[in-house]
Amino acid sequence: AVLLTGYYLSARRTASPVAPSPATENDRPA
């Protein structure tokens, strides 16, 4: 909860960091 809250607060303050090649639903493992 603390880490997820920190992420969404960070994303709201600044532009969300974009990965060089973001994962897709097809290649992200559980």
PDB file of all heavy atoms in Angstrom:
ATOM      1  N   ALA A   1       0.829  -1.212   0.000  1.00  0.00           N
ATOM      2  CA  ALA A   1       0.000   0.000   0.000  1.00  0.00           C
ATOM      3  C   ALA A   1       0.861   1.258   0.000  1.00  0.00           C
ATOM      4  O   ALA A   1       0.573   2.225  -0.729  1.00  0.00           O
ATOM      5  CB  ALA A   1      -0.921  -0.011   1.220  1.00  0.00           C
ATOM      6  N   VAL A   2       1.922   1.257   0.786  1.00  0.00           N
ATOM      7  CA  VAL A   2       2.800   2.433   0.868  1.00  0.00           C
ATOM      8  C   VAL A   2       3.480   2.686  -0.475  1.00  0.00           C
ATOM      9  O   VAL A   2       3.522   3.820  -0.972  1.00  0.00           O
ATOM     10  CB  VAL A   2       3.863   2.236   1.980  1.00  0.00           C
ATOM     11  CG1 VAL A   2       4.951   3.305   1.890  1.00  0.00           C
ATOM     12  CG2 VAL A   2       3.206   2.268   3.346  1.00  0.00           C
ATOM     13  N   LEU A   3       4.003   1.618  -1.102  1.00  0.00           N
ATOM     14  CA  LEU A   3       4.714   1.782  -2.366  1.00  0.00           C
ATOM     15  C   LEU A   3       3.772   2.173  -3.503  1.00  0.00           C
ATOM     16  O   LEU A   3       4.101   3.042  -4.325  1.00  0.00           O
ATOM     17  CB  LEU A   3       5.455   0.498  -2.719  1.00  0.00           C
ATOM     18  CG  LEU A   3       6.669   0.169  -1.825  1.00  0.00           C
ATOM     19  CD1 LEU A   3       7.231  -1.205  -2.157  1.00  0.00           C
ATOM     20  CD2 LEU A   3       7.758   1.225  -1.959  1.00  0.00           C
ATOM     21  N   LEU A   4       2.594   1.570  -3.568  1.00  0.00           N
ATOM     22  CA  LEU A   4       1.636   1.923  -4.614  1.00  0.00           C
ATOM     23  C   LEU A   4       1.137   3.355  -4.442  1.00  0.00           C
ATOM     24  O   LEU A   4       0.999   4.098  -5.421  1.00  0.00           O
ATOM     25  CB  LEU A   4       0.459   0.946  -4.603  1.00  0.00           C
ATOM     26  CG  LEU A   4       0.761  -0.451  -5.155  1.00  0.00           C
ATOM     27  CD1 LEU A   4      -0.407  -1.387  -4.910  1.00  0.00           C
ATOM     28  CD2 LEU A   4       1.084  -0.390  -6.645  1.00  0.00           C
ATOM     29  N   THR A   5       0.889   3.749  -3.187  1.00  0.00           N
ATOM     30  CA  THR A   5       0.480   5.129  -2.933  1.00  0.00           C
ATOM     31  C   THR A   5       1.571   6.102  -3.361  1.00  0.00           C
ATOM     32  O   THR A   5       1.307   7.132  -3.989  1.00  0.00           O
ATOM     33  CB  THR A   5       0.159   5.324  -1.443  1.00  0.00           C
ATOM     34  OG1 THR A   5      -0.900   4.439  -1.068  1.00  0.00           O
ATOM     35  CG2 THR A   5      -0.271   6.759  -1.162  1.00  0.00           C
ATOM     36  N   GLY A   6       2.820   5.748  -3.025  1.00  0.00           N
ATOM     37  CA  GLY A   6       3.944   6.593  -3.423  1.00  0.00           C
ATOM     38  C   GLY A   6       4.047   6.731  -4.931  1.00  0.00           C
ATOM     39  O   GLY A   6       4.306   7.826  -5.445  1.00  0.00           O
ATOM     40  N   TYR A   7       3.808   5.630  -5.643  1.00  0.00           N
ATOM     41  CA  TYR A   7       3.885   5.694  -7.101  1.00  0.00           C
ATOM     42  C   TYR A   7       2.817   6.611  -7.683  1.00  0.00           C
ATOM     43  O   TYR A   7       3.109   7.464  -8.535  1.00  0.00           O
ATOM     44  CB  TYR A   7       3.743   4.294  -7.705  1.00  0.00           C
ATOM     45  CG  TYR A   7       3.611   4.333  -9.210  1.00  0.00           C
ATOM     46  CD1 TYR A   7       4.720   4.573 -10.014  1.00  0.00           C
ATOM     47  CD2 TYR A   7       2.375   4.187  -9.829  1.00  0.00           C
ATOM     48  CE1 TYR A   7       4.612   4.644 -11.391  1.00  0.00           C
ATOM     49  CE2 TYR A   7       2.252   4.254 -11.213  1.00  0.00           C
ATOM     50  CZ  TYR A   7       3.372   4.490 -11.984  1.00  0.00           C
ATOM     51  OH  TYR A   7       3.254   4.571 -13.348  1.00  0.00           O
ATOM     52  N   TYR A   8       1.576   6.455  -7.232  1.00  0.00           N
ATOM     53  CA  TYR A   8       0.490   7.244  -7.817  1.00  0.00           C
ATOM     54  C   TYR A   8       0.577   8.722  -7.414  1.00  0.00           C
ATOM     55  O   TYR A   8       0.240   9.601  -8.208  1.00  0.00           O
ATOM     56  CB  TYR A   8      -0.856   6.634  -7.435  1.00  0.00           C
ATOM     57  CG  TYR A   8      -1.122   5.362  -8.185  1.00  0.00           C
ATOM     58  CD1 TYR A   8      -1.142   4.125  -7.538  1.00  0.00           C
ATOM     59  CD2 TYR A   8      -1.289   5.373  -9.574  1.00  0.00           C
ATOM     60  CE1 TYR A   8      -1.347   2.951  -8.243  1.00  0.00           C
ATOM     61  CE2 TYR A   8      -1.483   4.192 -10.287  1.00  0.00           C
ATOM     62  CZ  TYR A   8      -1.521   2.991  -9.614  1.00  0.00           C
ATOM     63  OH  TYR A   8      -1.712   1.830 -10.322  1.00  0.00           O
ATOM     64  N   LEU A   9       1.086   8.993  -6.218  1.00  0.00           N
ATOM     65  CA  LEU A   9       1.315  10.393  -5.838  1.00  0.00           C
ATOM     66  C   LEU A   9       2.413  11.000  -6.693  1.00  0.00           C
ATOM     67  O   LEU A   9       2.324  12.164  -7.127  1.00  0.00           O
ATOM     68  CB  LEU A   9       1.683  10.487  -4.356  1.00  0.00           C
ATOM     69  CG  LEU A   9       0.558  10.226  -3.359  1.00  0.00           C
ATOM     70  CD1 LEU A   9       1.085  10.260  -1.926  1.00  0.00           C
ATOM     71  CD2 LEU A   9      -0.566  11.262  -3.526  1.00  0.00           C
ATOM     72  N   SER A  10       3.473  10.204  -6.953  1.00  0.00           N
ATOM     73  CA  SER A  10       4.570  10.678  -7.800  1.00  0.00           C
ATOM     74  C   SER A  10       4.085  10.918  -9.223  1.00  0.00           C
ATOM     75  O   SER A  10       4.455  11.904  -9.866  1.00  0.00           O
ATOM     76  CB  SER A  10       5.702   9.652  -7.787  1.00  0.00           C
ATOM     77  OG  SER A  10       6.705   9.996  -8.712  1.00  0.00           O
ATOM     78  N   ALA A  11       3.247  10.006  -9.723  1.00  0.00           N
ATOM     79  CA  ALA A  11       2.733  10.137 -11.089  1.00  0.00           C
ATOM     80  C   ALA A  11       1.838  11.366 -11.236  1.00  0.00           C
ATOM     81  O   ALA A  11       1.782  11.995 -12.296  1.00  0.00           O
ATOM     82  CB  ALA A  11       1.969   8.880 -11.479  1.00  0.00           C
ATOM     83  N   ARG A  12       1.154  11.729 -10.172  1.00  0.00           N
ATOM     84  CA  ARG A  12       0.278  12.903 -10.224  1.00  0.00           C
ATOM     85  C   ARG A  12       1.077  14.206 -10.190  1.00  0.00           C
ATOM     86  O   ARG A  12       0.694  15.194 -10.809  1.00  0.00           O
ATOM     87  CB  ARG A  12      -0.703  12.888  -9.049  1.00  0.00           C
ATOM     88  CG  ARG A  12      -1.798  11.837  -9.175  1.00  0.00           C
ATOM     89  CD  ARG A  12      -2.737  11.887  -8.012  1.00  0.00           C
ATOM     90  NE  ARG A  12      -3.418  13.179  -7.914  1.00  0.00           N
ATOM     91  CZ  ARG A  12      -4.274  13.506  -6.945  1.00  0.00           C
ATOM     92  NH1 ARG A  12      -4.549  12.641  -6.001  1.00  0.00           N
ATOM     93  NH2 ARG A  12      -4.845  14.698  -6.938  1.00  0.00           N
ATOM     94  N   ARG A  13       2.195  14.200  -9.452  1.00  0.00           N
ATOM     95  CA  ARG A  13       3.009  15.418  -9.331  1.00  0.00           C
ATOM     96  C   ARG A  13       3.771  15.706 -10.611  1.00  0.00           C
ATOM     97  O   ARG A  13       3.979  16.843 -10.986  1.00  0.00           O
ATOM     98  CB  ARG A  13       3.991  15.296  -8.162  1.00  0.00           C
ATOM     99  CG  ARG A  13       3.366  15.503  -6.799  1.00  0.00           C
ATOM    100  CD  ARG A  13       4.453  15.788  -5.771  1.00  0.00           C
ATOM    101  NE  ARG A  13       5.522  14.806  -5.808  1.00  0.00           N
ATOM    102  CZ  ARG A  13       5.547  13.700  -5.072  1.00  0.00           C
ATOM    103  NH1 ARG A  13       4.551  13.436  -4.254  1.00  0.00           N
ATOM    104  NH2 ARG A  13       6.553  12.871  -5.155  1.00  0.00           N
ATOM    105  N   THR A  14       4.273  14.643 -11.234  1.00  0.00           N
ATOM    106  CA  THR A  14       5.085  14.814 -12.449  1.00  0.00           C
ATOM    107  C   THR A  14       4.553  13.900 -13.528  1.00  0.00           C
ATOM    108  O   THR A  14       3.728  13.017 -13.285  1.00  0.00           O
ATOM    109  CB  THR A  14       6.561  14.466 -12.169  1.00  0.00           C
ATOM    110  OG1 THR A  14       6.635  13.105 -11.771  1.00  0.00           O
ATOM    111  CG2 THR A  14       7.139  15.361 -11.088  1.00  0.00           C
ATOM    112  N   ALA A  15       5.065  14.068 -14.709  1.00  0.00           N
ATOM    113  CA  ALA A  15       4.693  13.157 -15.789  1.00  0.00           C
ATOM    114  C   ALA A  15       5.163  11.770 -15.418  1.00  0.00           C
ATOM    115  O   ALA A  15       6.280  11.580 -14.952  1.00  0.00           O
ATOM    116  CB  ALA A  15       5.336  13.600 -17.099  1.00  0.00           C
ATOM    117  N   SER A  16       4.343  10.781 -15.643  1.00  0.00           N
ATOM    118  CA  SER A  16       4.686   9.408 -15.311  1.00  0.00           C
ATOM    119  C   SER A  16       5.894   8.969 -16.110  1.00  0.00           C
ATOM    120  O   SER A  16       5.936   9.153 -17.321  1.00  0.00           O
ATOM    121  CB  SER A  16       3.504   8.484 -15.613  1.00  0.00           C
ATOM    122  OG  SER A  16       3.837   7.150 -15.325  1.00  0.00           O
ATOM    123  N   PRO A  17       6.922   8.372 -15.447  1.00  0.00           N
ATOM    124  CA  PRO A  17       8.104   7.934 -16.181  1.00  0.00           C
ATOM    125  C   PRO A  17       7.747   6.867 -17.197  1.00  0.00           C
ATOM    126  O   PRO A  17       7.019   5.936 -16.895  1.00  0.00           O
ATOM    127  CB  PRO A  17       9.017   7.353 -15.081  1.00  0.00           C
ATOM    128  CG  PRO A  17       8.105   7.033 -13.947  1.00  0.00           C
ATOM    129  CD  PRO A  17       6.980   8.026 -14.023  1.00  0.00           C
ATOM    130  N   VAL A  18       8.240   7.020 -18.389  1.00  0.00           N
ATOM    131  CA  VAL A  18       7.922   6.084 -19.464  1.00  0.00           C
ATOM    132  C   VAL A  18       9.114   5.180 -19.721  1.00  0.00           C
ATOM    133  O   VAL A  18      10.225   5.647 -19.911  1.00  0.00           O
ATOM    134  CB  VAL A  18       7.547   6.841 -20.754  1.00  0.00           C
ATOM    135  CG1 VAL A  18       7.231   5.855 -21.866  1.00  0.00           C
ATOM    136  CG2 VAL A  18       6.368   7.760 -20.495  1.00  0.00           C
ATOM    137  N   ALA A  19       8.878   3.898 -19.702  1.00  0.00           N
ATOM    138  CA  ALA A  19       9.957   2.942 -19.970  1.00  0.00           C
ATOM    139  C   ALA A  19      10.342   3.020 -21.435  1.00  0.00           C
ATOM    140  O   ALA A  19       9.521   3.342 -22.285  1.00  0.00           O
ATOM    141  CB  ALA A  19       9.486   1.529 -19.625  1.00  0.00           C
ATOM    142  N   PRO A  20      11.614   2.717 -21.755  1.00  0.00           N
ATOM    143  CA  PRO A  20      12.056   2.761 -23.144  1.00  0.00           C
ATOM    144  C   PRO A  20      11.206   1.890 -24.063  1.00  0.00           C
ATOM    145  O   PRO A  20      10.996   2.219 -25.210  1.00  0.00           O
ATOM    146  CB  PRO A  20      13.498   2.231 -23.054  1.00  0.00           C
ATOM    147  CG  PRO A  20      13.934   2.535 -21.661  1.00  0.00           C
ATOM    148  CD  PRO A  20      12.706   2.420 -20.823  1.00  0.00           C
ATOM    149  N   SER A  21      10.722   0.756 -23.533  1.00  0.00           N
ATOM    150  CA  SER A  21       9.903  -0.138 -24.348  1.00  0.00           C
ATOM    151  C   SER A  21       8.935  -0.856 -23.440  1.00  0.00           C
ATOM    152  O   SER A  21       9.220  -1.945 -22.958  1.00  0.00           O
ATOM    153  CB  SER A  21      10.804  -1.148 -25.076  1.00  0.00           C
ATOM    154  OG  SER A  21      10.059  -1.951 -25.938  1.00  0.00           O
ATOM    155  N   PRO A  22       7.803  -0.223 -23.095  1.00  0.00           N
ATOM    156  CA  PRO A  22       6.941  -0.742 -22.051  1.00  0.00           C
ATOM    157  C   PRO A  22       6.406  -2.130 -22.361  1.00  0.00           C
ATOM    158  O   PRO A  22       6.203  -2.510 -23.506  1.00  0.00           O
ATOM    159  CB  PRO A  22       5.803   0.286 -21.984  1.00  0.00           C
ATOM    160  CG  PRO A  22       5.826   0.963 -23.305  1.00  0.00           C
ATOM    161  CD  PRO A  22       7.240   0.969 -23.748  1.00  0.00           C
ATOM    162  N   ALA A  23       6.182  -2.895 -21.285  1.00  0.00           N
ATOM    163  CA  ALA A  23       5.703  -4.261 -21.448  1.00  0.00           C
ATOM    164  C   ALA A  23       4.283  -4.277 -21.953  1.00  0.00           C
ATOM    165  O   ALA A  23       3.500  -3.371 -21.712  1.00  0.00           O
ATOM    166  CB  ALA A  23       5.779  -4.988 -20.101  1.00  0.00           C
ATOM    167  N   THR A  24       3.955  -5.310 -22.672  1.00  0.00           N
ATOM    168  CA  THR A  24       2.591  -5.515 -23.133  1.00  0.00           C
ATOM    169  C   THR A  24       1.969  -6.636 -22.324  1.00  0.00           C
ATOM    170  O   THR A  24       2.651  -7.375 -21.624  1.00  0.00           O
ATOM    171  CB  THR A  24       2.577  -5.903 -24.624  1.00  0.00           C
ATOM    172  OG1 THR A  24       3.190  -7.184 -24.746  1.00  0.00           O
ATOM    173  CG2 THR A  24       3.327  -4.886 -25.460  1.00  0.00           C
ATOM    174  N   GLU A  25       0.652  -6.777 -22.417  1.00  0.00           N
ATOM    175  CA  GLU A  25      -0.023  -7.830 -21.672  1.00  0.00           C
ATOM    176  C   GLU A  25       0.435  -9.209 -22.141  1.00  0.00           C
ATOM    177  O   GLU A  25       0.384 -10.178 -21.415  1.00  0.00           O
ATOM    178  CB  GLU A  25      -1.544  -7.691 -21.841  1.00  0.00           C
ATOM    179  CG  GLU A  25      -2.107  -6.439 -21.165  1.00  0.00           C
ATOM    180  CD  GLU A  25      -1.823  -6.428 -19.659  1.00  0.00           C
ATOM    181  OE1 GLU A  25      -1.874  -7.493 -19.035  1.00  0.00           O
ATOM    182  OE2 GLU A  25      -1.551  -5.348 -19.119  1.00  0.00           O
ATOM    183  N   ASN A  26       0.882  -9.302 -23.404  1.00  0.00           N
ATOM    184  CA  ASN A  26       1.274 -10.596 -23.937  1.00  0.00           C
ATOM    185  C   ASN A  26       2.616 -11.077 -23.426  1.00  0.00           C
ATOM    186  O   ASN A  26       2.870 -12.267 -23.361  1.00  0.00           O
ATOM    187  CB  ASN A  26       1.309 -10.545 -25.475  1.00  0.00           C
ATOM    188  CG  ASN A  26      -0.078 -10.398 -26.053  1.00  0.00           C
ATOM    189  OD1 ASN A  26      -1.039 -10.870 -25.462  1.00  0.00           O
ATOM    190  ND2 ASN A  26      -0.175  -9.736 -27.203  1.00  0.00           N
ATOM    191  N   ASP A  27       3.507 -10.127 -23.092  1.00  0.00           N
ATOM    192  CA  ASP A  27       4.837 -10.602 -22.706  1.00  0.00           C
ATOM    193  C   ASP A  27       5.156 -10.368 -21.234  1.00  0.00           C
ATOM    194  O   ASP A  27       6.242 -10.680 -20.793  1.00  0.00           O
ATOM    195  CB  ASP A  27       5.933  -9.980 -23.580  1.00  0.00           C
ATOM    196  CG  ASP A  27       6.038  -8.470 -23.439  1.00  0.00           C
ATOM    197  OD1 ASP A  27       5.401  -7.900 -22.533  1.00  0.00           O
ATOM    198  OD2 ASP A  27       6.764  -7.869 -24.232  1.00  0.00           O
ATOM    199  N   ARG A  28       4.194  -9.862 -20.453  1.00  0.00           N
ATOM    200  CA  ARG A  28       4.459  -9.673 -19.035  1.00  0.00           C
ATOM    201  C   ARG A  28       4.074 -10.942 -18.266  1.00  0.00           C
ATOM    202  O   ARG A  28       2.904 -11.326 -18.257  1.00  0.00           O
ATOM    203  CB  ARG A  28       3.674  -8.493 -18.476  1.00  0.00           C
ATOM    204  CG  ARG A  28       3.957  -8.240 -17.009  1.00  0.00           C
ATOM    205  CD  ARG A  28       3.118  -7.090 -16.475  1.00  0.00           C
ATOM    206  NE  ARG A  28       3.491  -5.854 -17.122  1.00  0.00           N
ATOM    207  CZ  ARG A  28       2.634  -4.991 -17.599  1.00  0.00           C
ATOM    208  NH1 ARG A  28       1.349  -5.237 -17.551  1.00  0.00           N
ATOM    209  NH2 ARG A  28       3.055  -3.879 -18.183  1.00  0.00           N
ATOM    210  N   PRO A  29       5.021 -11.641 -17.614  1.00  0.00           N
ATOM    211  CA  PRO A  29       4.685 -12.863 -16.892  1.00  0.00           C
ATOM    212  C   PRO A  29       4.031 -12.545 -15.556  1.00  0.00           C
ATOM    213  O   PRO A  29       4.151 -11.436 -15.046  1.00  0.00           O
ATOM    214  CB  PRO A  29       6.050 -13.518 -16.667  1.00  0.00           C
ATOM    215  CG  PRO A  29       6.988 -12.357 -16.602  1.00  0.00           C
ATOM    216  CD  PRO A  29       6.454 -11.324 -17.550  1.00  0.00           C
ATOM    217  N   ALA A  30       3.308 -13.504 -15.032  1.00  0.00           N
ATOM    218  CA  ALA A  30       2.734 -13.333 -13.703  1.00  0.00           C
ATOM    219  C   ALA A  30       3.858 -13.315 -12.684  1.00  0.00           C
ATOM    220  O   ALA A  30       4.744 -14.157 -12.703  1.00  0.00           O
ATOM    221  CB  ALA A  30       1.780 -14.494 -13.395  1.00  0.00           C
TER     222      ALA A  30
END
